[in-house]
Amino acid sequence: MNSGELLERSLAYALGSVAEVRTVSLGRGTPCAEWDLEELLAHLDDSLDALYEGLTGGRIGLFPRADRACGFRTRACAVLGAWATGPAEERVLVGERPLDVRVMGAVGAVEIAVHGWDVAQACGRPKPIPVPLAAELLNVARCVVAQEDRGVRFGAQVLVPPRARADVRLLAFLGRRDSFPE
């Protein structure tokens, strides 16, 4: 697995989801029960900024909050550019713990793609995560999501048939159903 390619594919998927934001209210609910769409987009901004900081040691900076989709696109391009240029270090600190930058990129890819799915659901335009991408992201998620993360960062795993598509299994593993009641 190439973390850079995985991150790029996740960002491309999420960019398509975020494009729908202009057509809906930012106060809409999301599959992330505690966040409305505006709060979810703010979380995505923070995630992209953290990835950029891990790659470069610097921050992207603030953008006007008026156009969340434009801000996301700008941040996504900055992260892709930073990855293409090459990470400043091979290891980054996450809190007090060192983390290989490739692991950071792979975990970031899971975060971006799954929240991209959340955004699409909240916008009323469900957009499945591409199955090949979801299969790779599921492998990453299984390595990094521990039982103690349940109820804190992720909901309880949702049971789905073992032969369900990889996108459905990824979402279920992270506590989501493949449909979202509005």
N, C-alpha and C. Protein backbone atom coordinates (compact mmCIF):
# COMPACT_ATOMS: atom_id res chain seq x y z
N MET A 1 0.85 -1.19 0.00
CA MET A 1 0.00 0.00 0.00
C MET A 1 0.89 1.24 0.00
N ASN A 2 0.60 2.15 -0.87
CA ASN A 2 1.29 3.42 -0.94
C ASN A 2 0.41 4.47 -0.24
N SER A 3 0.89 4.97 0.90
CA SER A 3 0.08 5.93 1.67
C SER A 3 -0.26 7.18 0.88
N GLY A 4 0.67 7.65 0.08
CA GLY A 4 0.41 8.85 -0.72
C GLY A 4 -0.70 8.64 -1.71
N GLU A 5 -0.69 7.50 -2.38
CA GLU A 5 -1.75 7.19 -3.34
C GLU A 5 -3.09 7.02 -2.63
N LEU A 6 -3.06 6.35 -1.49
CA LEU A 6 -4.28 6.15 -0.71
C LEU A 6 -4.86 7.49 -0.26
N LEU A 7 -3.99 8.37 0.21
CA LEU A 7 -4.43 9.70 0.64
C LEU A 7 -4.99 10.48 -0.56
N GLU A 8 -4.33 10.40 -1.68
CA GLU A 8 -4.80 11.11 -2.88
C GLU A 8 -6.18 10.61 -3.32
N ARG A 9 -6.37 9.31 -3.33
CA ARG A 9 -7.67 8.74 -3.72
C ARG A 9 -8.76 9.12 -2.73
N SER A 10 -8.43 9.13 -1.45
CA SER A 10 -9.41 9.53 -0.43
C SER A 10 -9.79 10.99 -0.58
N LEU A 11 -8.81 11.83 -0.83
CA LEU A 11 -9.09 13.25 -1.03
C LEU A 11 -9.94 13.48 -2.27
N ALA A 12 -9.65 12.76 -3.34
CA ALA A 12 -10.45 12.90 -4.57
C ALA A 12 -11.90 12.52 -4.30
N TYR A 13 -12.11 11.43 -3.58
CA TYR A 13 -13.47 11.02 -3.23
C TYR A 13 -14.15 12.10 -2.38
N ALA A 14 -13.47 12.56 -1.35
CA ALA A 14 -14.07 13.56 -0.44
C ALA A 14 -14.34 14.88 -1.16
N LEU A 15 -13.49 15.26 -2.09
CA LEU A 15 -13.72 16.49 -2.84
C LEU A 15 -15.05 16.43 -3.59
N GLY A 16 -15.37 15.27 -4.14
CA GLY A 16 -16.66 15.10 -4.82
C GLY A 16 -17.83 15.23 -3.86
N SER A 17 -17.65 14.75 -2.64
CA SER A 17 -18.71 14.84 -1.64
C SER A 17 -18.90 16.28 -1.16
N VAL A 18 -17.81 16.96 -0.92
CA VAL A 18 -17.86 18.32 -0.40
C VAL A 18 -18.42 19.30 -1.43
N ALA A 19 -18.34 18.95 -2.69
CA ALA A 19 -18.89 19.82 -3.75
C ALA A 19 -20.39 20.03 -3.57
N GLU A 20 -21.07 19.12 -2.90
CA GLU A 20 -22.52 19.22 -2.70
C GLU A 20 -22.90 20.16 -1.55
N VAL A 21 -21.93 20.61 -0.77
CA VAL A 21 -22.22 21.40 0.43
C VAL A 21 -22.95 22.70 0.09
N ARG A 22 -22.67 23.29 -1.02
CA ARG A 22 -23.29 24.58 -1.37
C ARG A 22 -24.80 24.51 -1.49
N THR A 23 -25.33 23.31 -1.69
CA THR A 23 -26.76 23.17 -1.95
C THR A 23 -27.59 22.90 -0.70
N VAL A 24 -26.95 22.81 0.46
CA VAL A 24 -27.69 22.45 1.68
C VAL A 24 -27.32 23.36 2.84
N SER A 25 -28.13 23.30 3.88
CA SER A 25 -27.89 24.07 5.09
C SER A 25 -26.76 23.44 5.90
N LEU A 26 -25.89 24.26 6.42
CA LEU A 26 -24.79 23.76 7.25
C LEU A 26 -25.28 23.25 8.60
N GLY A 27 -26.53 23.50 8.93
CA GLY A 27 -27.09 23.02 10.19
C GLY A 27 -27.65 21.60 10.11
N ARG A 28 -27.56 20.98 8.95
CA ARG A 28 -28.09 19.62 8.78
C ARG A 28 -27.35 18.62 9.65
N GLY A 29 -28.08 17.58 10.06
CA GLY A 29 -27.47 16.49 10.82
C GLY A 29 -26.56 15.66 9.94
N THR A 30 -25.67 14.91 10.58
CA THR A 30 -24.72 14.05 9.88
C THR A 30 -24.72 12.67 10.53
N PRO A 31 -24.12 11.69 9.89
CA PRO A 31 -23.97 10.39 10.55
C PRO A 31 -23.14 10.47 11.84
N CYS A 32 -22.36 11.51 12.00
CA CYS A 32 -21.63 11.76 13.25
C CYS A 32 -22.62 12.47 14.17
N ALA A 33 -23.31 11.71 14.99
CA ALA A 33 -24.48 12.19 15.73
C ALA A 33 -24.25 13.48 16.50
N GLU A 34 -23.05 13.72 16.96
CA GLU A 34 -22.79 14.91 17.77
C GLU A 34 -22.48 16.15 16.94
N TRP A 35 -22.34 16.01 15.62
CA TRP A 35 -21.95 17.13 14.77
C TRP A 35 -22.99 17.41 13.71
N ASP A 36 -23.22 18.71 13.48
CA ASP A 36 -23.98 19.08 12.29
C ASP A 36 -22.98 19.22 11.14
N LEU A 37 -23.47 19.55 9.96
CA LEU A 37 -22.60 19.60 8.79
C LEU A 37 -21.49 20.63 8.95
N GLU A 38 -21.79 21.78 9.53
CA GLU A 38 -20.75 22.79 9.72
C GLU A 38 -19.65 22.29 10.66
N GLU A 39 -20.04 21.61 11.73
CA GLU A 39 -19.04 21.09 12.67
C GLU A 39 -18.22 19.97 12.03
N LEU A 40 -18.86 19.14 11.21
CA LEU A 40 -18.13 18.09 10.51
C LEU A 40 -17.11 18.69 9.54
N LEU A 41 -17.52 19.73 8.82
CA LEU A 41 -16.58 20.38 7.89
C LEU A 41 -15.44 21.05 8.65
N ALA A 42 -15.72 21.61 9.82
CA ALA A 42 -14.65 22.19 10.64
C ALA A 42 -13.68 21.10 11.08
N HIS A 43 -14.21 19.93 11.42
CA HIS A 43 -13.35 18.80 11.80
C HIS A 43 -12.48 18.37 10.62
N LEU A 44 -13.07 18.32 9.43
CA LEU A 44 -12.28 17.99 8.23
C LEU A 44 -11.18 19.02 8.00
N ASP A 45 -11.50 20.31 8.19
CA ASP A 45 -10.48 21.35 8.08
C ASP A 45 -9.33 21.09 9.04
N ASP A 46 -9.68 20.78 10.29
CA ASP A 46 -8.65 20.49 11.30
C ASP A 46 -7.82 19.27 10.92
N SER A 47 -8.47 18.25 10.38
CA SER A 47 -7.76 17.04 9.97
C SER A 47 -6.76 17.34 8.86
N LEU A 48 -7.20 18.11 7.87
CA LEU A 48 -6.30 18.46 6.78
C LEU A 48 -5.15 19.33 7.27
N ASP A 49 -5.45 20.24 8.17
CA ASP A 49 -4.40 21.10 8.72
C ASP A 49 -3.39 20.26 9.50
N ALA A 50 -3.87 19.27 10.26
CA ALA A 50 -2.98 18.40 11.02
C ALA A 50 -2.10 17.56 10.08
N LEU A 51 -2.68 17.05 9.00
CA LEU A 51 -1.88 16.31 8.02
C LEU A 51 -0.81 17.20 7.41
N TYR A 52 -1.20 18.40 7.06
CA TYR A 52 -0.24 19.35 6.47
C TYR A 52 0.89 19.65 7.46
N GLU A 53 0.51 19.87 8.71
CA GLU A 53 1.52 20.15 9.73
C GLU A 53 2.46 18.95 9.91
N GLY A 54 1.90 17.74 9.89
CA GLY A 54 2.74 16.55 10.00
C GLY A 54 3.70 16.42 8.84
N LEU A 55 3.28 16.83 7.67
CA LEU A 55 4.12 16.71 6.48
C LEU A 55 5.17 17.82 6.38
N THR A 56 4.82 19.01 6.82
CA THR A 56 5.70 20.17 6.58
C THR A 56 6.26 20.80 7.85
N GLY A 57 5.62 20.55 8.96
CA GLY A 57 6.01 21.23 10.19
C GLY A 57 5.33 22.58 10.33
N GLY A 58 4.58 23.02 9.32
CA GLY A 58 3.89 24.31 9.35
C GLY A 58 2.38 24.13 9.30
N ARG A 59 1.67 25.23 9.34
CA ARG A 59 0.21 25.20 9.28
C ARG A 59 -0.24 25.80 7.95
N ILE A 60 -1.42 25.38 7.49
CA ILE A 60 -1.98 25.93 6.26
C ILE A 60 -2.45 27.36 6.51
N GLY A 61 -3.02 27.59 7.65
CA GLY A 61 -3.54 28.91 7.96
C GLY A 61 -5.04 28.94 7.86
N LEU A 62 -5.60 30.06 8.22
CA LEU A 62 -7.05 30.19 8.25
C LEU A 62 -7.59 30.71 6.93
N PHE A 63 -8.77 30.24 6.59
CA PHE A 63 -9.49 30.71 5.41
C PHE A 63 -10.84 31.20 5.88
N PRO A 64 -11.46 32.08 5.15
CA PRO A 64 -12.80 32.51 5.53
C PRO A 64 -13.72 31.30 5.61
N ARG A 65 -14.57 31.26 6.62
CA ARG A 65 -15.46 30.12 6.83
C ARG A 65 -16.70 30.21 5.94
N ALA A 66 -16.85 31.27 5.19
CA ALA A 66 -18.06 31.48 4.40
C ALA A 66 -18.24 30.39 3.34
N ASP A 67 -17.17 29.93 2.72
CA ASP A 67 -17.28 28.91 1.68
C ASP A 67 -16.49 27.69 2.10
N ARG A 68 -17.16 26.81 2.84
CA ARG A 68 -16.50 25.61 3.38
C ARG A 68 -15.96 24.72 2.26
N ALA A 69 -16.68 24.58 1.17
CA ALA A 69 -16.23 23.72 0.07
C ALA A 69 -14.94 24.26 -0.52
N CYS A 70 -14.86 25.55 -0.73
CA CYS A 70 -13.64 26.16 -1.27
C CYS A 70 -12.48 25.98 -0.30
N GLY A 71 -12.73 26.17 0.99
CA GLY A 71 -11.69 25.98 1.99
C GLY A 71 -11.19 24.55 2.00
N PHE A 72 -12.10 23.59 1.88
CA PHE A 72 -11.69 22.19 1.85
C PHE A 72 -10.83 21.91 0.63
N ARG A 73 -11.25 22.41 -0.54
CA ARG A 73 -10.46 22.19 -1.76
C ARG A 73 -9.06 22.78 -1.61
N THR A 74 -8.98 23.98 -1.05
CA THR A 74 -7.68 24.63 -0.88
C THR A 74 -6.79 23.83 0.05
N ARG A 75 -7.35 23.38 1.17
CA ARG A 75 -6.57 22.57 2.12
C ARG A 75 -6.16 21.23 1.51
N ALA A 76 -7.09 20.59 0.78
CA ALA A 76 -6.78 19.30 0.15
C ALA A 76 -5.62 19.45 -0.83
N CYS A 77 -5.63 20.51 -1.62
CA CYS A 77 -4.53 20.75 -2.57
C CYS A 77 -3.22 21.01 -1.83
N ALA A 78 -3.28 21.73 -0.72
CA ALA A 78 -2.07 21.99 0.06
C ALA A 78 -1.49 20.69 0.61
N VAL A 79 -2.36 19.80 1.10
CA VAL A 79 -1.90 18.51 1.63
C VAL A 79 -1.29 17.66 0.50
N LEU A 80 -1.96 17.60 -0.64
CA LEU A 80 -1.42 16.83 -1.76
C LEU A 80 -0.08 17.38 -2.23
N GLY A 81 0.02 18.70 -2.28
CA GLY A 81 1.29 19.32 -2.66
C GLY A 81 2.40 19.01 -1.68
N ALA A 82 2.06 19.04 -0.40
CA ALA A 82 3.06 18.74 0.64
C ALA A 82 3.50 17.28 0.55
N TRP A 83 2.55 16.38 0.28
CA TRP A 83 2.93 14.97 0.15
C TRP A 83 3.82 14.77 -1.07
N ALA A 84 3.46 15.41 -2.19
CA ALA A 84 4.25 15.27 -3.42
C ALA A 84 5.67 15.82 -3.25
N THR A 85 5.79 16.89 -2.48
CA THR A 85 7.11 17.48 -2.23
C THR A 85 7.96 16.57 -1.35
N GLY A 86 7.29 15.83 -0.51
CA GLY A 86 7.98 14.92 0.40
C GLY A 86 7.89 15.42 1.82
N PRO A 87 7.62 14.51 2.74
CA PRO A 87 7.52 14.90 4.14
C PRO A 87 8.81 15.50 4.66
N ALA A 88 8.68 16.45 5.58
CA ALA A 88 9.86 17.08 6.19
C ALA A 88 10.64 16.06 7.02
N GLU A 89 9.95 15.14 7.65
CA GLU A 89 10.56 14.11 8.50
C GLU A 89 9.91 12.77 8.20
N GLU A 90 10.60 11.68 8.53
CA GLU A 90 10.02 10.35 8.37
C GLU A 90 9.09 9.99 9.52
N ARG A 91 9.27 10.67 10.65
CA ARG A 91 8.43 10.43 11.82
C ARG A 91 7.88 11.77 12.28
N VAL A 92 6.64 11.73 12.75
CA VAL A 92 6.00 12.93 13.29
C VAL A 92 5.55 12.63 14.71
N LEU A 93 5.36 13.66 15.49
CA LEU A 93 4.84 13.47 16.84
C LEU A 93 3.34 13.70 16.83
N VAL A 94 2.61 12.74 17.34
CA VAL A 94 1.17 12.89 17.54
C VAL A 94 0.99 12.85 19.04
N GLY A 95 0.75 14.04 19.59
CA GLY A 95 0.78 14.16 21.05
C GLY A 95 2.22 13.96 21.48
N GLU A 96 2.45 12.99 22.29
CA GLU A 96 3.80 12.66 22.76
C GLU A 96 4.40 11.48 22.02
N ARG A 97 3.62 10.87 21.11
CA ARG A 97 4.06 9.62 20.50
C ARG A 97 4.57 9.83 19.08
N PRO A 98 5.73 9.23 18.76
CA PRO A 98 6.23 9.30 17.39
C PRO A 98 5.41 8.36 16.48
N LEU A 99 5.20 8.81 15.26
CA LEU A 99 4.41 8.04 14.31
C LEU A 99 5.08 8.15 12.94
N ASP A 100 5.20 7.03 12.26
CA ASP A 100 5.75 7.02 10.90
C ASP A 100 4.83 7.86 10.01
N VAL A 101 5.40 8.71 9.19
CA VAL A 101 4.60 9.62 8.36
C VAL A 101 3.71 8.84 7.39
N ARG A 102 4.14 7.66 6.95
CA ARG A 102 3.30 6.84 6.06
C ARG A 102 2.06 6.35 6.79
N VAL A 103 2.20 6.01 8.06
CA VAL A 103 1.05 5.60 8.86
C VAL A 103 0.11 6.79 9.02
N MET A 104 0.69 7.97 9.28
CA MET A 104 -0.13 9.18 9.40
C MET A 104 -0.93 9.40 8.12
N GLY A 105 -0.30 9.22 6.97
CA GLY A 105 -1.00 9.40 5.70
C GLY A 105 -2.11 8.40 5.50
N ALA A 106 -1.87 7.14 5.88
CA ALA A 106 -2.89 6.10 5.73
C ALA A 106 -4.07 6.35 6.67
N VAL A 107 -3.77 6.72 7.92
CA VAL A 107 -4.84 7.02 8.87
C VAL A 107 -5.61 8.26 8.41
N GLY A 108 -4.89 9.25 7.90
CA GLY A 108 -5.55 10.44 7.35
C GLY A 108 -6.46 10.09 6.19
N ALA A 109 -6.05 9.13 5.37
CA ALA A 109 -6.88 8.70 4.24
C ALA A 109 -8.20 8.11 4.72
N VAL A 110 -8.15 7.30 5.79
CA VAL A 110 -9.39 6.73 6.36
C VAL A 110 -10.29 7.87 6.85
N GLU A 111 -9.71 8.77 7.61
CA GLU A 111 -10.45 9.90 8.18
C GLU A 111 -11.13 10.72 7.08
N ILE A 112 -10.39 11.06 6.06
CA ILE A 112 -10.90 11.92 4.99
C ILE A 112 -12.00 11.22 4.19
N ALA A 113 -11.77 9.97 3.81
CA ALA A 113 -12.77 9.27 2.99
C ALA A 113 -14.06 9.03 3.77
N VAL A 114 -13.94 8.56 5.00
CA VAL A 114 -15.15 8.24 5.76
C VAL A 114 -15.93 9.51 6.08
N HIS A 115 -15.23 10.59 6.43
CA HIS A 115 -15.96 11.84 6.66
C HIS A 115 -16.48 12.42 5.35
N GLY A 116 -15.82 12.13 4.24
CA GLY A 116 -16.38 12.51 2.94
C GLY A 116 -17.71 11.81 2.71
N TRP A 117 -17.77 10.55 3.09
CA TRP A 117 -19.04 9.80 3.01
C TRP A 117 -20.08 10.45 3.91
N ASP A 118 -19.67 10.83 5.12
CA ASP A 118 -20.59 11.49 6.05
C ASP A 118 -21.16 12.77 5.44
N VAL A 119 -20.30 13.54 4.78
CA VAL A 119 -20.74 14.80 4.15
C VAL A 119 -21.75 14.51 3.06
N ALA A 120 -21.46 13.53 2.21
CA ALA A 120 -22.39 13.20 1.12
C ALA A 120 -23.74 12.77 1.68
N GLN A 121 -23.72 11.97 2.74
CA GLN A 121 -24.97 11.54 3.36
C GLN A 121 -25.74 12.75 3.89
N ALA A 122 -25.04 13.65 4.59
CA ALA A 122 -25.69 14.83 5.16
C ALA A 122 -26.27 15.74 4.08
N CYS A 123 -25.65 15.75 2.92
CA CYS A 123 -26.13 16.59 1.81
C CYS A 123 -27.29 15.92 1.06
N GLY A 124 -27.64 14.70 1.46
CA GLY A 124 -28.74 14.01 0.81
C GLY A 124 -28.37 13.44 -0.55
N ARG A 125 -27.09 13.28 -0.78
CA ARG A 125 -26.60 12.72 -2.04
C ARG A 125 -25.63 11.58 -1.73
N PRO A 126 -26.16 10.46 -1.28
CA PRO A 126 -25.28 9.34 -0.92
C PRO A 126 -24.30 9.01 -2.04
N LYS A 127 -23.07 8.81 -1.66
CA LYS A 127 -22.01 8.55 -2.63
C LYS A 127 -21.13 7.45 -2.04
N PRO A 128 -21.29 6.22 -2.50
CA PRO A 128 -20.50 5.12 -1.94
C PRO A 128 -19.00 5.36 -2.10
N ILE A 129 -18.25 4.95 -1.11
CA ILE A 129 -16.79 4.97 -1.22
C ILE A 129 -16.44 3.90 -2.24
N PRO A 130 -15.61 4.20 -3.22
CA PRO A 130 -15.26 3.17 -4.21
C PRO A 130 -14.74 1.90 -3.53
N VAL A 131 -15.24 0.76 -3.96
CA VAL A 131 -14.95 -0.51 -3.30
C VAL A 131 -13.44 -0.79 -3.20
N PRO A 132 -12.64 -0.60 -4.25
CA PRO A 132 -11.20 -0.87 -4.09
C PRO A 132 -10.55 0.03 -3.03
N LEU A 133 -10.94 1.29 -2.99
CA LEU A 133 -10.43 2.21 -1.98
C LEU A 133 -10.89 1.77 -0.60
N ALA A 134 -12.16 1.44 -0.47
CA ALA A 134 -12.70 1.02 0.83
C ALA A 134 -11.99 -0.23 1.35
N ALA A 135 -11.66 -1.17 0.46
CA ALA A 135 -10.97 -2.39 0.89
C ALA A 135 -9.61 -2.06 1.51
N GLU A 136 -8.88 -1.15 0.89
CA GLU A 136 -7.58 -0.75 1.44
C GLU A 136 -7.75 0.02 2.75
N LEU A 137 -8.74 0.90 2.80
CA LEU A 137 -8.97 1.67 4.01
C LEU A 137 -9.43 0.77 5.16
N LEU A 138 -10.19 -0.27 4.86
CA LEU A 138 -10.63 -1.20 5.89
C LEU A 138 -9.43 -1.89 6.52
N ASN A 139 -8.45 -2.27 5.71
CA ASN A 139 -7.23 -2.88 6.25
C ASN A 139 -6.52 -1.93 7.21
N VAL A 140 -6.45 -0.67 6.86
CA VAL A 140 -5.82 0.33 7.73
C VAL A 140 -6.63 0.48 9.01
N ALA A 141 -7.94 0.65 8.87
CA ALA A 141 -8.80 0.87 10.03
C ALA A 141 -8.70 -0.29 11.02
N ARG A 142 -8.66 -1.50 10.52
CA ARG A 142 -8.55 -2.67 11.41
C ARG A 142 -7.25 -2.66 12.20
N CYS A 143 -6.23 -2.03 11.66
CA CYS A 143 -4.93 -1.97 12.36
C CYS A 143 -4.88 -0.85 13.40
N VAL A 144 -5.68 0.19 13.23
CA VAL A 144 -5.52 1.36 14.10
C VAL A 144 -6.69 1.65 15.03
N VAL A 145 -7.85 1.06 14.79
CA VAL A 145 -9.00 1.30 15.66
C VAL A 145 -9.07 0.18 16.70
N ALA A 146 -8.86 0.56 17.95
CA ALA A 146 -8.88 -0.40 19.05
C ALA A 146 -10.25 -0.40 19.73
N GLN A 147 -10.51 -1.42 20.49
CA GLN A 147 -11.79 -1.52 21.20
C GLN A 147 -12.01 -0.32 22.11
N GLU A 148 -10.94 0.19 22.73
CA GLU A 148 -11.09 1.34 23.63
C GLU A 148 -11.45 2.64 22.89
N ASP A 149 -11.34 2.64 21.56
CA ASP A 149 -11.78 3.78 20.77
C ASP A 149 -13.30 3.82 20.59
N ARG A 150 -13.95 2.68 20.81
CA ARG A 150 -15.40 2.58 20.64
C ARG A 150 -16.10 3.41 21.71
N GLY A 151 -17.06 4.20 21.28
CA GLY A 151 -17.79 5.05 22.21
C GLY A 151 -17.08 6.37 22.48
N VAL A 152 -15.83 6.48 22.03
CA VAL A 152 -15.07 7.72 22.20
C VAL A 152 -14.86 8.37 20.84
N ARG A 153 -14.14 7.69 19.97
CA ARG A 153 -13.88 8.21 18.62
C ARG A 153 -14.79 7.56 17.56
N PHE A 154 -15.25 6.36 17.86
CA PHE A 154 -16.06 5.60 16.91
C PHE A 154 -17.22 4.95 17.65
N GLY A 155 -18.31 4.74 16.91
CA GLY A 155 -19.44 4.03 17.48
C GLY A 155 -19.15 2.54 17.53
N ALA A 156 -20.07 1.81 18.10
CA ALA A 156 -19.96 0.36 18.13
C ALA A 156 -20.00 -0.17 16.69
N GLN A 157 -19.26 -1.22 16.46
CA GLN A 157 -19.25 -1.83 15.14
C GLN A 157 -20.66 -2.32 14.81
N VAL A 158 -21.09 -2.07 13.59
CA VAL A 158 -22.40 -2.49 13.11
C VAL A 158 -22.21 -3.84 12.41
N LEU A 159 -23.08 -4.79 12.71
CA LEU A 159 -22.97 -6.10 12.08
C LEU A 159 -23.52 -6.06 10.66
N VAL A 160 -22.74 -6.58 9.74
CA VAL A 160 -23.15 -6.71 8.34
C VAL A 160 -22.72 -8.10 7.87
N PRO A 161 -23.35 -8.60 6.82
CA PRO A 161 -22.93 -9.91 6.31
C PRO A 161 -21.45 -9.89 5.92
N PRO A 162 -20.73 -10.98 6.18
CA PRO A 162 -19.31 -11.03 5.85
C PRO A 162 -19.02 -10.82 4.37
N ARG A 163 -19.99 -11.09 3.53
CA ARG A 163 -19.78 -10.92 2.08
C ARG A 163 -20.25 -9.56 1.58
N ALA A 164 -20.58 -8.66 2.50
CA ALA A 164 -20.98 -7.30 2.10
C ALA A 164 -19.82 -6.64 1.37
N ARG A 165 -20.14 -5.69 0.52
CA ARG A 165 -19.09 -4.95 -0.20
C ARG A 165 -18.14 -4.29 0.81
N ALA A 166 -16.93 -4.05 0.38
CA ALA A 166 -15.90 -3.47 1.26
C ALA A 166 -16.31 -2.11 1.80
N ASP A 167 -17.02 -1.29 1.02
CA ASP A 167 -17.43 0.02 1.52
C ASP A 167 -18.41 -0.13 2.67
N VAL A 168 -19.33 -1.08 2.57
CA VAL A 168 -20.30 -1.33 3.63
C VAL A 168 -19.59 -1.85 4.87
N ARG A 169 -18.62 -2.76 4.69
CA ARG A 169 -17.87 -3.31 5.82
C ARG A 169 -17.01 -2.24 6.50
N LEU A 170 -16.41 -1.34 5.72
CA LEU A 170 -15.62 -0.25 6.30
C LEU A 170 -16.50 0.64 7.16
N LEU A 171 -17.61 1.06 6.61
CA LEU A 171 -18.52 1.93 7.36
C LEU A 171 -19.03 1.23 8.62
N ALA A 172 -19.39 -0.04 8.51
CA ALA A 172 -19.89 -0.80 9.65
C ALA A 172 -18.80 -0.94 10.72
N PHE A 173 -17.57 -1.18 10.29
CA PHE A 173 -16.47 -1.32 11.24
C PHE A 173 -16.30 -0.03 12.05
N LEU A 174 -16.54 1.10 11.40
CA LEU A 174 -16.38 2.40 12.06
C LEU A 174 -17.69 2.91 12.68
N GLY A 175 -18.68 2.02 12.80
CA GLY A 175 -19.90 2.37 13.53
C GLY A 175 -20.96 3.06 12.72
N ARG A 176 -20.90 2.93 11.39
CA ARG A 176 -21.88 3.58 10.53
C ARG A 176 -22.69 2.54 9.77
N ARG A 177 -23.90 2.92 9.44
CA ARG A 177 -24.73 2.09 8.56
C ARG A 177 -24.57 2.67 7.17
N ASP A 178 -24.81 1.84 6.15
CA ASP A 178 -24.65 2.34 4.79
C ASP A 178 -25.81 3.20 4.33
N SER A 179 -26.72 3.53 5.24
CA SER A 179 -27.74 4.53 4.96
C SER A 179 -27.87 5.40 6.20
N PHE A 180 -28.30 6.60 5.99
CA PHE A 180 -28.35 7.58 7.08
C PHE A 180 -29.74 8.20 7.12
N PRO A 181 -30.47 8.03 8.22
CA PRO A 181 -31.79 8.66 8.31
C PRO A 181 -31.64 10.16 8.50
N GLU A 182 -32.31 10.94 7.68
CA GLU A 182 -32.19 12.40 7.79
C GLU A 182 -33.01 12.94 8.91
